[in-house]
Each structure stands twice: as C-alpha cells, then as structure tokens.
N, C-alpha and C. Protein backbone atom coordinates (compact mmCIF):
# COMPACT_ATOMS: atom_id res chain seq x y z
N GLN A 1 101.91 59.05 84.92
CA GLN A 1 102.65 59.90 84.00
C GLN A 1 102.65 61.32 84.56
N ALA A 2 103.83 61.95 84.53
CA ALA A 2 103.98 63.29 85.09
C ALA A 2 103.32 64.30 84.15
N PRO A 3 102.72 65.37 84.72
CA PRO A 3 102.09 66.38 83.86
C PRO A 3 103.16 67.13 83.07
N ARG A 4 102.86 67.38 81.81
CA ARG A 4 103.84 68.08 80.99
C ARG A 4 103.75 69.57 81.27
N GLY A 5 104.87 70.28 81.00
CA GLY A 5 104.90 71.72 81.21
C GLY A 5 104.15 72.45 80.11
N LEU A 6 103.91 73.71 80.34
CA LEU A 6 103.21 74.52 79.35
C LEU A 6 104.17 74.97 78.26
N SER A 7 103.67 75.05 77.04
CA SER A 7 104.50 75.57 75.95
C SER A 7 104.62 77.09 76.12
N ALA A 8 105.53 77.68 75.40
CA ALA A 8 105.75 79.13 75.49
C ALA A 8 104.48 79.88 75.12
N GLU A 9 103.77 79.43 74.08
CA GLU A 9 102.55 80.12 73.66
C GLU A 9 101.45 79.97 74.70
N GLU A 10 101.36 78.79 75.32
CA GLU A 10 100.35 78.58 76.38
C GLU A 10 100.64 79.49 77.58
N LYS A 11 101.92 79.65 77.91
CA LYS A 11 102.28 80.54 79.01
C LYS A 11 101.88 81.97 78.69
N ARG A 12 102.11 82.39 77.44
CA ARG A 12 101.74 83.75 77.03
C ARG A 12 100.23 83.96 77.17
N VAL A 13 99.47 82.99 76.69
CA VAL A 13 98.01 83.10 76.75
C VAL A 13 97.54 83.16 78.19
N LYS A 14 98.08 82.29 79.04
CA LYS A 14 97.65 82.24 80.44
C LYS A 14 98.03 83.52 81.19
N LEU A 15 99.24 84.04 80.93
CA LEU A 15 99.65 85.27 81.60
C LEU A 15 98.78 86.44 81.13
N LEU A 16 98.46 86.47 79.86
CA LEU A 16 97.59 87.52 79.33
C LEU A 16 96.19 87.40 79.94
N GLU A 17 95.73 86.17 80.19
CA GLU A 17 94.43 85.96 80.84
C GLU A 17 94.39 86.59 82.23
N ILE A 18 95.51 86.52 82.95
CA ILE A 18 95.56 87.13 84.29
C ILE A 18 95.23 88.61 84.18
N PHE A 19 95.84 89.29 83.24
CA PHE A 19 95.58 90.72 83.05
C PHE A 19 94.13 90.97 82.67
N HIS A 20 93.61 90.19 81.71
CA HIS A 20 92.27 90.43 81.19
C HIS A 20 91.18 90.07 82.20
N GLU A 21 91.40 89.05 83.01
CA GLU A 21 90.41 88.65 84.00
C GLU A 21 90.36 89.62 85.17
N THR A 22 91.53 90.10 85.61
CA THR A 22 91.55 90.98 86.78
C THR A 22 91.34 92.44 86.41
N LYS A 23 91.69 92.81 85.18
CA LYS A 23 91.61 94.21 84.72
C LYS A 23 92.28 95.14 85.74
N ASP A 24 93.49 94.74 86.14
CA ASP A 24 94.22 95.46 87.17
C ASP A 24 95.63 95.78 86.69
N PHE A 25 96.32 96.63 87.46
CA PHE A 25 97.71 96.97 87.20
C PHE A 25 98.58 96.09 88.09
N PHE A 26 99.71 95.65 87.58
CA PHE A 26 100.58 94.76 88.33
C PHE A 26 102.00 95.28 88.34
N GLN A 27 102.70 94.94 89.43
CA GLN A 27 104.14 95.11 89.47
C GLN A 27 104.75 93.73 89.28
N VAL A 28 106.04 93.69 88.96
CA VAL A 28 106.70 92.42 88.65
C VAL A 28 106.54 91.42 89.80
N GLY A 29 106.72 91.86 91.02
CA GLY A 29 106.62 90.95 92.17
C GLY A 29 105.26 90.29 92.25
N ARG A 30 104.21 91.05 92.00
CA ARG A 30 102.87 90.49 92.08
C ARG A 30 102.62 89.52 90.93
N ILE A 31 103.13 89.82 89.77
CA ILE A 31 102.98 88.91 88.63
C ILE A 31 103.74 87.61 88.90
N LEU A 32 104.93 87.75 89.49
CA LEU A 32 105.73 86.56 89.81
C LEU A 32 105.01 85.65 90.80
N SER A 33 104.24 86.24 91.70
CA SER A 33 103.53 85.40 92.67
C SER A 33 102.19 84.92 92.12
N ASP A 34 101.47 85.77 91.36
CA ASP A 34 100.15 85.38 90.85
C ASP A 34 100.22 84.40 89.68
N GLY A 35 101.27 84.51 88.84
CA GLY A 35 101.40 83.63 87.69
C GLY A 35 101.36 82.16 88.06
N PRO A 36 102.20 81.74 88.99
CA PRO A 36 102.16 80.32 89.38
C PRO A 36 100.87 79.95 90.11
N LYS A 37 100.36 80.85 90.98
CA LYS A 37 99.17 80.53 91.76
C LYS A 37 97.93 80.43 90.88
N MET A 38 97.72 81.43 90.03
CA MET A 38 96.46 81.51 89.28
C MET A 38 96.45 80.63 88.03
N LYS A 39 97.58 80.51 87.36
CA LYS A 39 97.57 79.84 86.05
C LYS A 39 98.57 78.71 85.93
N GLY A 40 99.33 78.42 86.96
CA GLY A 40 100.26 77.29 86.92
C GLY A 40 101.48 77.52 86.05
N ILE A 41 101.85 78.78 85.85
CA ILE A 41 103.05 79.10 85.07
C ILE A 41 104.24 79.00 86.00
N VAL A 42 105.30 78.33 85.58
CA VAL A 42 106.50 78.18 86.38
C VAL A 42 107.08 79.57 86.65
N SER A 43 107.37 79.87 87.92
CA SER A 43 107.78 81.22 88.29
C SER A 43 109.07 81.66 87.60
N GLN A 44 109.94 80.72 87.26
CA GLN A 44 111.20 81.10 86.60
C GLN A 44 110.98 81.66 85.20
N SER A 45 109.85 81.32 84.57
CA SER A 45 109.64 81.77 83.19
C SER A 45 108.69 82.97 83.11
N VAL A 46 108.13 83.40 84.23
CA VAL A 46 107.14 84.48 84.19
C VAL A 46 107.75 85.77 83.63
N LYS A 47 108.93 86.15 84.09
CA LYS A 47 109.56 87.40 83.62
C LYS A 47 109.80 87.36 82.11
N GLU A 48 110.29 86.24 81.63
CA GLU A 48 110.58 86.09 80.20
C GLU A 48 109.30 86.19 79.37
N VAL A 49 108.25 85.52 79.83
CA VAL A 49 106.97 85.55 79.12
C VAL A 49 106.39 86.96 79.16
N LEU A 50 106.48 87.61 80.31
CA LEU A 50 105.98 88.98 80.44
C LEU A 50 106.71 89.91 79.47
N GLN A 51 108.03 89.76 79.38
CA GLN A 51 108.80 90.62 78.47
C GLN A 51 108.40 90.39 77.02
N SER A 52 108.13 89.13 76.66
CA SER A 52 107.72 88.85 75.28
C SER A 52 106.36 89.49 74.98
N LEU A 53 105.47 89.49 75.97
CA LEU A 53 104.16 90.14 75.78
C LEU A 53 104.32 91.65 75.65
N VAL A 54 105.22 92.24 76.42
CA VAL A 54 105.48 93.68 76.33
C VAL A 54 106.09 93.99 74.96
N ASP A 55 107.05 93.16 74.51
CA ASP A 55 107.70 93.38 73.21
C ASP A 55 106.70 93.32 72.06
N ASP A 56 105.70 92.46 72.18
CA ASP A 56 104.69 92.31 71.13
C ASP A 56 103.56 93.32 71.23
N GLY A 57 103.59 94.17 72.28
CA GLY A 57 102.57 95.20 72.43
C GLY A 57 101.26 94.71 73.01
N LEU A 58 101.26 93.47 73.54
CA LEU A 58 100.02 92.94 74.13
C LEU A 58 99.87 93.35 75.58
N VAL A 59 100.97 93.67 76.25
CA VAL A 59 100.95 94.17 77.63
C VAL A 59 101.70 95.50 77.61
N GLN A 60 101.14 96.48 78.28
CA GLN A 60 101.77 97.80 78.36
C GLN A 60 102.60 97.87 79.63
N MET A 61 103.68 98.65 79.59
CA MET A 61 104.53 98.82 80.76
C MET A 61 104.86 100.30 80.88
N ASP A 62 104.85 100.78 82.11
CA ASP A 62 105.24 102.16 82.35
C ASP A 62 105.99 102.21 83.66
N LYS A 63 107.04 103.04 83.68
CA LYS A 63 107.85 103.19 84.88
C LYS A 63 107.32 104.41 85.64
N ILE A 64 106.91 104.19 86.86
CA ILE A 64 106.44 105.27 87.72
C ILE A 64 107.33 105.26 88.95
N GLY A 65 108.12 106.31 89.08
CA GLY A 65 109.10 106.33 90.17
C GLY A 65 110.13 105.26 89.92
N SER A 66 110.32 104.40 90.92
CA SER A 66 111.29 103.32 90.76
C SER A 66 110.61 102.00 90.43
N SER A 67 109.30 102.02 90.22
CA SER A 67 108.54 100.79 89.97
C SER A 67 108.06 100.72 88.53
N ASN A 68 108.02 99.51 88.00
CA ASN A 68 107.45 99.26 86.68
C ASN A 68 106.05 98.69 86.88
N PHE A 69 105.07 99.26 86.19
CA PHE A 69 103.70 98.79 86.25
C PHE A 69 103.32 98.21 84.90
N PHE A 70 102.59 97.08 84.94
CA PHE A 70 102.17 96.38 83.74
C PHE A 70 100.66 96.28 83.72
N TRP A 71 100.06 96.37 82.52
CA TRP A 71 98.62 96.21 82.41
C TRP A 71 98.26 95.82 80.98
N SER A 72 97.09 95.22 80.85
CA SER A 72 96.53 94.89 79.55
C SER A 72 95.04 94.69 79.75
N PHE A 73 94.27 95.31 78.89
CA PHE A 73 92.82 95.19 78.98
C PHE A 73 92.30 94.46 77.75
N PRO A 74 91.18 93.73 77.89
CA PRO A 74 90.66 92.95 76.76
C PRO A 74 90.43 93.80 75.50
N SER A 75 89.95 95.01 75.67
CA SER A 75 89.65 95.85 74.52
C SER A 75 90.93 96.34 73.83
N GLN A 76 92.02 96.31 74.56
CA GLN A 76 93.28 96.81 74.03
C GLN A 76 93.72 96.02 72.79
N ARG A 77 93.58 94.72 72.83
CA ARG A 77 93.99 93.89 71.70
C ARG A 77 93.16 94.22 70.47
N GLY A 78 91.87 94.43 70.68
CA GLY A 78 91.00 94.82 69.56
C GLY A 78 91.43 96.15 68.97
N ALA A 79 91.78 97.10 69.84
CA ALA A 79 92.22 98.41 69.36
C ALA A 79 93.52 98.28 68.57
N ILE A 80 94.43 97.45 69.06
CA ILE A 80 95.69 97.22 68.35
C ILE A 80 95.42 96.63 66.97
N MET A 81 94.53 95.64 66.94
CA MET A 81 94.20 95.00 65.67
C MET A 81 93.53 95.99 64.71
N GLN A 82 92.65 96.86 65.25
CA GLN A 82 92.00 97.87 64.40
C GLN A 82 93.03 98.83 63.82
N ASN A 83 94.00 99.24 64.65
CA ASN A 83 95.05 100.13 64.17
C ASN A 83 95.90 99.47 63.09
N ARG A 84 96.24 98.20 63.32
CA ARG A 84 97.02 97.47 62.31
C ARG A 84 96.23 97.34 61.02
N LEU A 85 94.94 97.02 61.14
CA LEU A 85 94.09 96.88 59.97
C LEU A 85 94.02 98.19 59.20
N ALA A 86 93.85 99.29 59.91
CA ALA A 86 93.79 100.60 59.26
C ALA A 86 95.11 100.91 58.54
N ALA A 87 96.23 100.59 59.19
CA ALA A 87 97.54 100.84 58.58
C ALA A 87 97.71 99.98 57.32
N VAL A 88 97.29 98.73 57.39
CA VAL A 88 97.42 97.84 56.24
C VAL A 88 96.52 98.33 55.10
N LYS A 89 95.30 98.77 55.44
CA LYS A 89 94.40 99.28 54.40
C LYS A 89 94.99 100.52 53.74
N GLU A 90 95.59 101.39 54.54
CA GLU A 90 96.21 102.60 53.99
C GLU A 90 97.39 102.23 53.08
N THR A 91 98.19 101.27 53.51
CA THR A 91 99.32 100.81 52.69
C THR A 91 98.81 100.21 51.39
N ARG A 92 97.74 99.43 51.48
CA ARG A 92 97.15 98.80 50.29
C ARG A 92 96.66 99.87 49.32
N LYS A 93 96.01 100.88 49.86
CA LYS A 93 95.49 101.97 49.02
C LYS A 93 96.66 102.68 48.31
N THR A 94 97.73 102.95 49.04
CA THR A 94 98.90 103.62 48.47
C THR A 94 99.52 102.75 47.38
N LEU A 95 99.67 101.45 47.67
CA LEU A 95 100.26 100.54 46.68
C LEU A 95 99.37 100.41 45.44
N ALA A 96 98.06 100.38 45.64
CA ALA A 96 97.14 100.30 44.50
C ALA A 96 97.28 101.55 43.63
N ALA A 97 97.43 102.71 44.26
CA ALA A 97 97.61 103.95 43.50
C ALA A 97 98.93 103.90 42.73
N GLN A 98 99.97 103.38 43.35
CA GLN A 98 101.26 103.26 42.66
C GLN A 98 101.16 102.31 41.47
N VAL A 99 100.45 101.20 41.64
CA VAL A 99 100.28 100.24 40.55
C VAL A 99 99.53 100.90 39.40
N ALA A 100 98.45 101.62 39.71
CA ALA A 100 97.69 102.31 38.67
C ALA A 100 98.56 103.34 37.95
N GLU A 101 99.36 104.06 38.71
CA GLU A 101 100.26 105.06 38.15
C GLU A 101 101.28 104.41 37.21
N LEU A 102 101.85 103.29 37.63
CA LEU A 102 102.82 102.59 36.81
C LEU A 102 102.19 102.01 35.55
N ARG A 103 100.98 101.49 35.67
CA ARG A 103 100.28 100.95 34.49
C ARG A 103 100.01 102.07 33.49
N ALA A 104 99.61 103.23 34.00
CA ALA A 104 99.36 104.37 33.12
C ALA A 104 100.66 104.79 32.43
N ALA A 105 101.77 104.78 33.16
CA ALA A 105 103.06 105.14 32.58
C ALA A 105 103.46 104.14 31.50
N VAL A 106 103.23 102.87 31.74
CA VAL A 106 103.54 101.84 30.75
C VAL A 106 102.70 102.06 29.49
N GLU A 107 101.43 102.33 29.67
CA GLU A 107 100.55 102.57 28.52
C GLU A 107 100.99 103.82 27.76
N ALA A 108 101.38 104.87 28.48
CA ALA A 108 101.85 106.09 27.83
C ALA A 108 103.11 105.81 27.02
N GLU A 109 104.03 105.01 27.57
CA GLU A 109 105.25 104.66 26.86
C GLU A 109 104.94 103.82 25.63
N ARG A 110 103.99 102.91 25.75
CA ARG A 110 103.60 102.09 24.60
C ARG A 110 103.00 102.96 23.50
N ALA A 111 102.19 103.94 23.92
CA ALA A 111 101.57 104.83 22.94
C ALA A 111 102.64 105.69 22.25
N ALA A 112 103.68 106.09 23.00
CA ALA A 112 104.74 106.92 22.45
C ALA A 112 105.65 106.12 21.52
N ARG A 113 105.66 104.82 21.66
CA ARG A 113 106.51 103.96 20.85
C ARG A 113 105.66 102.89 20.15
N PRO A 114 104.91 103.28 19.19
CA PRO A 114 104.03 102.29 18.52
C PRO A 114 104.87 101.24 17.79
N GLU A 115 104.37 100.04 17.79
CA GLU A 115 105.05 98.95 17.10
C GLU A 115 105.02 99.21 15.59
N SER A 116 106.19 99.12 14.99
CA SER A 116 106.26 99.25 13.54
C SER A 116 107.40 98.35 13.07
N GLU A 117 107.42 98.13 11.75
CA GLU A 117 108.46 97.26 11.20
C GLU A 117 109.84 97.89 11.40
N GLY A 118 109.93 99.20 11.19
CA GLY A 118 111.21 99.91 11.35
C GLY A 118 111.71 99.85 12.79
N ARG A 119 110.80 100.04 13.73
CA ARG A 119 111.19 100.00 15.16
C ARG A 119 111.65 98.62 15.54
N THR A 120 110.94 97.61 15.07
CA THR A 120 111.32 96.23 15.38
C THR A 120 112.70 95.92 14.83
N GLU A 121 112.98 96.37 13.60
CA GLU A 121 114.31 96.15 13.02
C GLU A 121 115.39 96.86 13.82
N GLN A 122 115.10 98.09 14.23
CA GLN A 122 116.08 98.85 15.01
C GLN A 122 116.36 98.18 16.35
N LEU A 123 115.31 97.65 17.00
CA LEU A 123 115.50 96.95 18.28
C LEU A 123 116.33 95.69 18.09
N GLU A 124 116.08 94.96 17.00
CA GLU A 124 116.87 93.76 16.72
C GLU A 124 118.33 94.14 16.47
N ARG A 125 118.55 95.23 15.71
CA ARG A 125 119.91 95.70 15.44
C ARG A 125 120.61 96.09 16.74
N LEU A 126 119.86 96.80 17.62
CA LEU A 126 120.42 97.20 18.92
C LEU A 126 120.83 95.98 19.73
N ALA A 127 119.96 94.95 19.76
CA ALA A 127 120.28 93.74 20.51
C ALA A 127 121.53 93.07 19.94
N GLY A 128 121.64 93.04 18.61
CA GLY A 128 122.82 92.44 17.98
C GLY A 128 124.09 93.21 18.31
N LEU A 129 124.00 94.54 18.29
CA LEU A 129 125.17 95.37 18.62
C LEU A 129 125.58 95.19 20.08
N LYS A 130 124.61 95.06 20.96
CA LYS A 130 124.94 94.82 22.38
C LYS A 130 125.67 93.50 22.54
N LYS A 131 125.19 92.46 21.83
CA LYS A 131 125.87 91.16 21.90
C LYS A 131 127.29 91.26 21.37
N GLU A 132 127.46 91.98 20.25
CA GLU A 132 128.78 92.15 19.66
C GLU A 132 129.70 92.91 20.62
N GLY A 133 129.16 93.96 21.27
CA GLY A 133 129.94 94.71 22.25
C GLY A 133 130.38 93.83 23.41
N ALA A 134 129.49 92.99 23.89
CA ALA A 134 129.84 92.08 24.99
C ALA A 134 130.90 91.09 24.56
N ARG A 135 130.77 90.59 23.32
CA ARG A 135 131.75 89.64 22.81
C ARG A 135 133.13 90.29 22.68
N LEU A 136 133.17 91.52 22.16
CA LEU A 136 134.44 92.23 22.01
C LEU A 136 135.06 92.56 23.38
N ALA A 137 134.22 92.91 24.34
CA ALA A 137 134.74 93.18 25.70
C ALA A 137 135.35 91.92 26.29
N ALA A 138 134.70 90.78 26.08
CA ALA A 138 135.23 89.51 26.59
C ALA A 138 136.54 89.17 25.90
N GLU A 139 136.61 89.44 24.57
CA GLU A 139 137.85 89.16 23.83
C GLU A 139 138.98 90.07 24.32
N LEU A 140 138.68 91.33 24.56
CA LEU A 140 139.68 92.27 25.07
C LEU A 140 140.17 91.83 26.45
N ALA A 141 139.26 91.35 27.28
CA ALA A 141 139.65 90.88 28.61
C ALA A 141 140.54 89.65 28.51
N ALA A 142 140.30 88.82 27.47
CA ALA A 142 141.12 87.62 27.30
C ALA A 142 142.56 87.99 26.95
N TYR A 143 142.74 89.11 26.27
CA TYR A 143 144.09 89.55 25.91
C TYR A 143 144.71 90.40 26.99
N GLY A 144 144.08 90.52 28.11
CA GLY A 144 144.48 91.29 29.28
C GLY A 144 145.78 92.07 29.19
N ALA A 145 146.91 91.40 29.04
CA ALA A 145 148.22 92.06 29.06
C ALA A 145 148.41 92.94 27.83
N CYS A 146 147.70 92.67 26.76
CA CYS A 146 147.84 93.44 25.52
C CYS A 146 146.81 94.57 25.43
N ASP A 147 146.09 94.81 26.49
CA ASP A 147 145.09 95.88 26.52
C ASP A 147 145.82 97.21 26.27
N PRO A 148 145.38 98.00 25.29
CA PRO A 148 146.07 99.26 24.96
C PRO A 148 146.23 100.20 26.16
N VAL A 149 145.26 100.26 27.01
CA VAL A 149 145.34 101.13 28.19
C VAL A 149 146.44 100.64 29.12
N LYS A 150 146.50 99.33 29.34
CA LYS A 150 147.53 98.77 30.22
C LYS A 150 148.91 98.93 29.61
N VAL A 151 149.02 98.75 28.28
CA VAL A 151 150.31 98.91 27.61
C VAL A 151 150.80 100.35 27.77
N GLU A 152 149.91 101.32 27.60
CA GLU A 152 150.28 102.72 27.73
C GLU A 152 150.73 103.03 29.16
N GLU A 153 150.03 102.46 30.16
CA GLU A 153 150.43 102.66 31.56
C GLU A 153 151.83 102.10 31.80
N LYS A 154 152.12 100.92 31.23
CA LYS A 154 153.45 100.31 31.42
C LYS A 154 154.54 101.16 30.76
N LYS A 155 154.23 101.73 29.58
CA LYS A 155 155.21 102.60 28.91
C LYS A 155 155.55 103.80 29.79
N ARG A 156 154.52 104.41 30.36
CA ARG A 156 154.75 105.57 31.24
C ARG A 156 155.56 105.16 32.47
N ALA A 157 155.27 103.98 33.01
CA ALA A 157 156.01 103.50 34.18
C ALA A 157 157.48 103.27 33.84
N VAL A 158 157.76 102.75 32.63
CA VAL A 158 159.14 102.51 32.21
C VAL A 158 159.89 103.84 32.08
N VAL A 159 159.24 104.85 31.48
CA VAL A 159 159.88 106.16 31.33
C VAL A 159 160.19 106.75 32.70
N LEU A 160 159.26 106.68 33.62
CA LEU A 160 159.48 107.21 34.97
C LEU A 160 160.61 106.46 35.67
N ALA A 161 160.68 105.14 35.50
CA ALA A 161 161.73 104.35 36.12
C ALA A 161 163.10 104.73 35.56
N LYS A 162 163.18 104.95 34.22
CA LYS A 162 164.45 105.36 33.61
C LYS A 162 164.91 106.70 34.15
N GLU A 163 163.97 107.65 34.25
CA GLU A 163 164.32 108.98 34.76
C GLU A 163 164.82 108.88 36.20
N ALA A 164 164.15 108.07 37.01
CA ALA A 164 164.56 107.91 38.41
C ALA A 164 165.94 107.26 38.50
N ALA A 165 166.20 106.26 37.65
CA ALA A 165 167.50 105.58 37.65
C ALA A 165 168.60 106.55 37.24
N ALA A 166 168.34 107.37 36.24
CA ALA A 166 169.34 108.35 35.79
C ALA A 166 169.62 109.36 36.90
N ARG A 167 168.58 109.82 37.56
CA ARG A 167 168.75 110.80 38.64
C ARG A 167 169.60 110.21 39.76
N TRP A 168 169.29 108.97 40.20
CA TRP A 168 170.05 108.34 41.29
C TRP A 168 171.48 108.03 40.87
N THR A 169 171.66 107.66 39.61
CA THR A 169 173.02 107.38 39.13
C THR A 169 173.84 108.67 39.17
N GLY A 170 173.25 109.77 38.71
CA GLY A 170 173.94 111.06 38.75
C GLY A 170 174.27 111.46 40.17
N GLU A 171 173.37 111.23 41.09
CA GLU A 171 173.61 111.59 42.49
C GLU A 171 174.70 110.70 43.09
N GLU A 172 174.76 109.43 42.67
CA GLU A 172 175.78 108.52 43.19
C GLU A 172 177.17 108.95 42.70
N VAL A 173 177.26 109.34 41.43
CA VAL A 173 178.54 109.80 40.87
C VAL A 173 179.00 111.05 41.61
N ALA A 174 178.10 111.97 41.86
CA ALA A 174 178.45 113.19 42.58
C ALA A 174 178.91 112.86 43.99
N LEU A 175 178.27 111.92 44.65
CA LEU A 175 178.64 111.54 46.01
C LEU A 175 180.02 110.89 46.03
N ARG A 176 180.35 110.01 45.07
CA ARG A 176 181.67 109.36 45.01
C ARG A 176 182.75 110.41 44.78
N SER A 177 182.47 111.33 43.88
CA SER A 177 183.47 112.37 43.60
C SER A 177 183.71 113.21 44.83
N PHE A 178 182.68 113.49 45.59
CA PHE A 178 182.82 114.28 46.80
C PHE A 178 183.66 113.53 47.85
N LEU A 179 183.40 112.22 47.96
CA LEU A 179 184.11 111.42 48.95
C LEU A 179 185.58 111.24 48.58
N ARG A 180 185.93 111.19 47.31
CA ARG A 180 187.33 111.07 46.91
C ARG A 180 188.11 112.33 47.21
N CYS A 181 187.45 113.44 47.00
CA CYS A 181 188.14 114.72 47.23
C CYS A 181 188.25 115.04 48.70
N GLY A 182 187.38 114.54 49.46
CA GLY A 182 187.27 114.92 50.84
C GLY A 182 188.13 114.17 51.73
C-alpha cells in the first residue's frame, strides 16, 4: 500500500516544527528545499502552507532588501496566546461592566414605573389601540385606490393635465391661424 500524503494541518505542524527546532531565519528557497528533506512535505505545497502560517500569525515575515525572511520561535506562540487571552479578558471585563450597567438601568426603570392596577389597565389599553391602529392601516391599504391621499394626488394631476391641454390647444389654434395668413 502506498504511503498517504500529509493533511494540510499535518503540513502546517511539520513546517512550524522546522522553525522551532532550528530557531533560525529562513528565505523561501531554503524552506522549499528543507521542507521536503526534513519533514517530508511535498515541495509544491510548501509555499501555500508557509503563507497560511504567516496569515495566522504563527510565522513572522519581514522583507529586507529584495528578500523575504521568515521565522518563528517556540516562545512566540505562547506570547501570542497570552496576548489573545489578555484581550479576551479585557473584552469580558468590558462586557460584564455593560451587563451590570444595563441591569442597573432596568432596575431604575422598574423603580420609576411601579406596577399598579392603573398602569396595567393603561398598558392593556395601549396594546388594544395599537392593534386597532394596525387593523385600520391594513383596511386602508386594502382600499388602496380609495386612499384619500392618493385621490387628492389624482385630482391635482387631472387639473394639471387640463391646464396643459388648454395651453397646447390655444397654441395650436394660434399656429393654424398664423399658417393660414402666411
């Protein structure tokens, strides 16, 4: 049975091991030659795997002159994880403060609006009026063409059309009279 190829994640781990074991700086050419020799990574996929490691921040890259240099040290991953952990803790602290602030605001609003029989009745009345308003809006939409606003717009359009027709008719009469005399 032929040996199976490495998965993408296995290639990433093996390429990262090259950096961590050697603790050295590499150029692309050296990585392309060392990847297959040291870890059995197919040379055609080394560039792609290297780019994915750079994109994820596990390998650093810097351009010096016309050359790109790559490196990654074992402690670097720990530092990245510590930074991420600190950022997450800070975000958690901020969100916890926001939650406490919102809870306090809710409690303040509840205190400002104590439950009473009158308030409950008013809220029920408000809900009923909202339902009635929605029902009336739906009924008005059903009568679409009879909507008072639309009817008024059509009346204005008719008046404007009559005025325009009268103006053009008058201009046509004047033009015919001019052509007969001329």
